[in-house]
Amino acid sequence: MFHISENGSIKKFLPRPSPSHFDQINGNVVFAITERLLHNYLFPRDCPRVTYYATTKSSDADKEKFFNHPAVEFVIAVEAKWLPVIQQTTLYCYEFSAESFVLLDECAGYYISYESVEPALVRLISNVPDELFKRTNIELRVLPSLSELAGEIVQSSLNFSLIRMRNAEKNRSI
């Protein structure tokens, strides 16, 4: 289990109120993600992004429309204005034991713990684009705006996450 932060000095993660509403959460929690969708969080916290991937339930038409290469399994789209921030941000990847975590949202890959969690280790990520490009099944798209893509993705048969869209340009239509 992993947690990405711009703060490299966290010794213990204490349960806090969830920033988003989930009916399944009954109290304060610590959020974590597995390696499978970790790439969605290798960005500055406030960076808006549209992320998506196909499943067995995804239509061939959607796969053809939203994926540009057969080797790509995951797409992450960010706004061009965020690219300099992404390139200059230092992140810290905290690793936890999975022991106290339970799955909250399979599509987004969210896991939660109601207990305090001490990281087993922390890894510095000083070059976010390089860290992303180590993962060969990911496409990073840089767009002028995320609004149109976000609107199309929510109508598709793909699994998706719209992250920090309140910080996106022209997000009024979402």
Protein backbone atom coordinates (compact mmCIF):
# COMPACT_ATOMS: atom_id res chain seq x y z
CA MET A 1 0.00 0.00 0.00
CA PHE A 2 1.23 3.47 -0.88
CA HIS A 3 0.49 7.10 -0.13
CA ILE A 4 1.96 9.99 -2.14
CA SER A 5 2.67 13.31 -0.46
CA GLU A 6 4.60 16.51 -1.03
CA ASN A 7 5.59 16.29 2.66
CA GLY A 8 8.59 14.05 3.27
CA SER A 9 8.60 14.17 7.07
CA ILE A 10 5.46 12.24 8.03
CA LYS A 11 6.29 9.73 10.76
CA LYS A 12 2.75 8.50 11.39
CA PHE A 13 -0.42 8.84 9.33
CA LEU A 14 -3.33 9.63 11.60
CA PRO A 15 -6.92 8.98 10.49
CA ARG A 16 -8.59 12.17 9.24
CA PRO A 17 -11.99 13.05 7.78
CA SER A 18 -12.32 11.97 4.17
CA PRO A 19 -12.06 14.90 1.73
CA SER A 20 -14.81 13.26 -0.37
CA HIS A 21 -18.09 11.71 0.71
CA PHE A 22 -18.30 7.91 0.68
CA ASP A 23 -21.29 6.15 2.25
CA GLN A 24 -18.99 3.29 3.32
CA ILE A 25 -16.74 5.51 5.48
CA ASN A 26 -17.78 5.68 9.12
CA GLY A 27 -15.19 7.86 10.79
CA ASN A 28 -11.74 9.21 10.15
CA VAL A 29 -9.44 7.27 7.81
CA VAL A 30 -6.01 6.99 6.25
CA PHE A 31 -6.12 6.60 2.44
CA ALA A 32 -3.75 4.39 0.45
CA ILE A 33 -3.42 3.02 -3.07
CA THR A 34 -1.89 -0.12 -4.52
CA GLU A 35 0.85 -0.22 -7.14
CA ARG A 36 -1.72 -0.87 -9.90
CA LEU A 37 -3.10 2.70 -9.85
CA LEU A 38 -0.25 4.47 -8.08
CA HIS A 39 0.53 6.40 -11.27
CA ASN A 40 -2.70 8.40 -10.83
CA TYR A 41 -1.20 10.02 -7.73
CA LEU A 42 2.32 10.78 -8.96
CA PHE A 43 1.35 14.43 -9.32
CA PRO A 44 1.22 17.53 -7.15
CA ARG A 45 -1.79 17.15 -4.86
CA ASP A 46 -3.78 20.02 -6.37
CA CYS A 47 -3.07 19.12 -10.00
CA PRO A 48 -6.34 18.38 -11.84
CA ARG A 49 -6.30 15.22 -13.93
CA VAL A 50 -8.50 12.83 -15.83
CA THR A 51 -7.44 9.21 -15.53
CA TYR A 52 -8.99 6.17 -17.16
CA TYR A 53 -8.57 2.54 -18.14
CA ALA A 54 -10.55 -0.15 -19.92
CA THR A 55 -12.14 -3.20 -18.30
CA THR A 56 -13.81 -6.29 -19.71
CA LYS A 57 -17.06 -4.28 -19.65
CA SER A 58 -15.61 -1.46 -21.79
CA SER A 59 -16.89 -1.21 -25.35
CA ASP A 60 -14.60 -1.65 -28.33
CA ALA A 61 -15.78 1.73 -29.60
CA ASP A 62 -14.64 3.44 -26.38
CA LYS A 63 -11.30 1.63 -26.43
CA GLU A 64 -10.74 2.77 -29.99
CA LYS A 65 -11.82 6.33 -29.27
CA PHE A 66 -9.83 6.92 -26.08
CA PHE A 67 -6.64 4.88 -26.54
CA ASN A 68 -3.98 5.74 -29.12
CA HIS A 69 -1.73 2.69 -28.81
CA PRO A 70 -2.40 -1.00 -28.07
CA ALA A 71 0.32 -1.15 -25.37
CA VAL A 72 -1.33 1.62 -23.33
CA GLU A 73 -3.53 0.39 -20.48
CA PHE A 74 -3.89 3.62 -18.52
CA VAL A 75 -4.22 7.25 -19.63
CA ILE A 76 -3.62 10.29 -17.47
CA ALA A 77 -4.48 13.71 -18.88
CA VAL A 78 -3.31 16.96 -17.31
CA GLU A 79 -3.56 20.59 -18.30
CA ALA A 80 -0.59 22.19 -20.05
CA LYS A 81 -0.41 24.97 -17.47
CA TRP A 82 0.36 22.34 -14.81
CA LEU A 83 3.33 20.83 -16.66
CA PRO A 84 5.95 23.18 -15.14
CA VAL A 85 4.52 22.52 -11.66
CA ILE A 86 4.65 18.75 -12.26
CA GLN A 87 8.25 19.00 -13.48
CA GLN A 88 9.33 21.02 -10.43
CA THR A 89 7.47 19.10 -7.71
CA THR A 90 9.22 16.71 -5.35
CA LEU A 91 7.04 13.88 -4.08
CA TYR A 92 7.44 11.26 -1.38
CA CYS A 93 6.09 7.77 -1.80
CA TYR A 94 5.22 6.23 1.56
CA GLU A 95 4.84 2.46 1.76
CA PHE A 96 2.60 0.76 4.32
CA SER A 97 1.80 -2.75 5.36
CA ALA A 98 -1.60 -3.72 3.92
CA GLU A 99 -2.63 -5.26 7.24
CA SER A 100 -5.16 -2.66 8.44
CA PHE A 101 -6.43 -1.50 5.02
CA VAL A 102 -9.70 -2.46 3.35
CA LEU A 103 -10.84 -1.76 -0.20
CA LEU A 104 -13.08 1.30 -0.49
CA ASP A 105 -13.38 1.87 -4.24
CA GLU A 106 -12.08 -0.69 -6.74
CA CYS A 107 -12.38 1.62 -9.77
CA ALA A 108 -10.26 4.35 -8.16
CA GLY A 109 -8.12 1.86 -6.24
CA TYR A 110 -8.78 3.50 -2.88
CA TYR A 111 -8.06 1.61 0.32
CA ILE A 112 -8.69 2.94 3.82
CA SER A 113 -7.57 2.23 7.34
CA TYR A 114 -9.33 3.41 10.48
CA GLU A 115 -6.07 2.98 12.40
CA SER A 116 -2.96 5.13 12.55
CA VAL A 117 -0.33 3.84 10.16
CA GLU A 118 3.44 4.12 10.34
CA PRO A 119 5.23 3.96 7.00
CA ALA A 120 7.59 1.03 6.47
CA LEU A 121 9.66 3.23 4.17
CA VAL A 122 9.57 6.46 2.22
CA ARG A 123 11.04 6.99 -1.24
CA LEU A 124 11.93 10.38 -2.73
CA ILE A 125 10.57 11.11 -6.22
CA SER A 126 12.50 14.12 -7.49
CA ASN A 127 11.55 13.74 -11.18
CA VAL A 128 7.83 13.05 -11.57
CA PRO A 129 7.83 12.67 -15.38
CA ASP A 130 10.68 10.12 -15.21
CA GLU A 131 8.79 8.17 -12.55
CA LEU A 132 5.72 8.07 -14.78
CA PHE A 133 7.66 7.07 -17.88
CA LYS A 134 9.18 4.08 -16.04
CA ARG A 135 5.71 2.58 -16.35
CA THR A 136 5.49 1.45 -19.97
CA ASN A 137 1.72 0.90 -20.04
CA ILE A 138 0.80 4.53 -19.28
CA GLU A 139 0.18 7.44 -21.60
CA LEU A 140 0.50 10.96 -20.23
CA ARG A 141 -1.52 13.48 -22.23
CA VAL A 142 -1.00 17.21 -21.89
CA LEU A 143 -4.07 19.17 -22.98
CA PRO A 144 -5.04 22.86 -22.97
CA SER A 145 -8.17 21.99 -20.95
CA LEU A 146 -9.60 18.85 -19.36
CA SER A 147 -13.27 19.81 -19.62
CA GLU A 148 -14.10 18.19 -22.94
CA LEU A 149 -12.25 14.95 -22.17
CA ALA A 150 -13.81 14.74 -18.70
CA GLY A 151 -17.29 15.19 -20.14
CA GLU A 152 -16.70 12.43 -22.70
CA ILE A 153 -15.08 10.01 -20.25
CA VAL A 154 -17.97 10.15 -17.77
CA GLN A 155 -20.30 9.09 -20.62
CA SER A 156 -18.03 6.20 -21.67
CA SER A 157 -17.84 2.56 -20.59
CA LEU A 158 -14.31 3.06 -19.20
CA ASN A 159 -13.30 3.13 -15.54
CA PHE A 160 -12.18 6.64 -14.65
CA SER A 161 -11.24 9.09 -11.93
CA LEU A 162 -11.61 12.85 -12.16
CA ILE A 163 -9.12 14.14 -9.62
CA ARG A 164 -9.00 17.73 -8.29
CA MET A 165 -11.18 18.94 -11.15
CA ARG A 166 -12.19 21.98 -9.10
CA ASN A 167 -8.71 23.29 -10.00
CA ALA A 168 -9.18 22.72 -13.74
CA GLU A 169 -9.71 25.39 -16.38
CA LYS A 170 -13.28 25.78 -17.61
CA ASN A 171 -14.61 22.99 -15.42
CA ARG A 172 -18.10 24.52 -15.20
CA SER A 173 -19.59 21.88 -17.56
CA ILE A 174 -18.53 18.88 -15.46
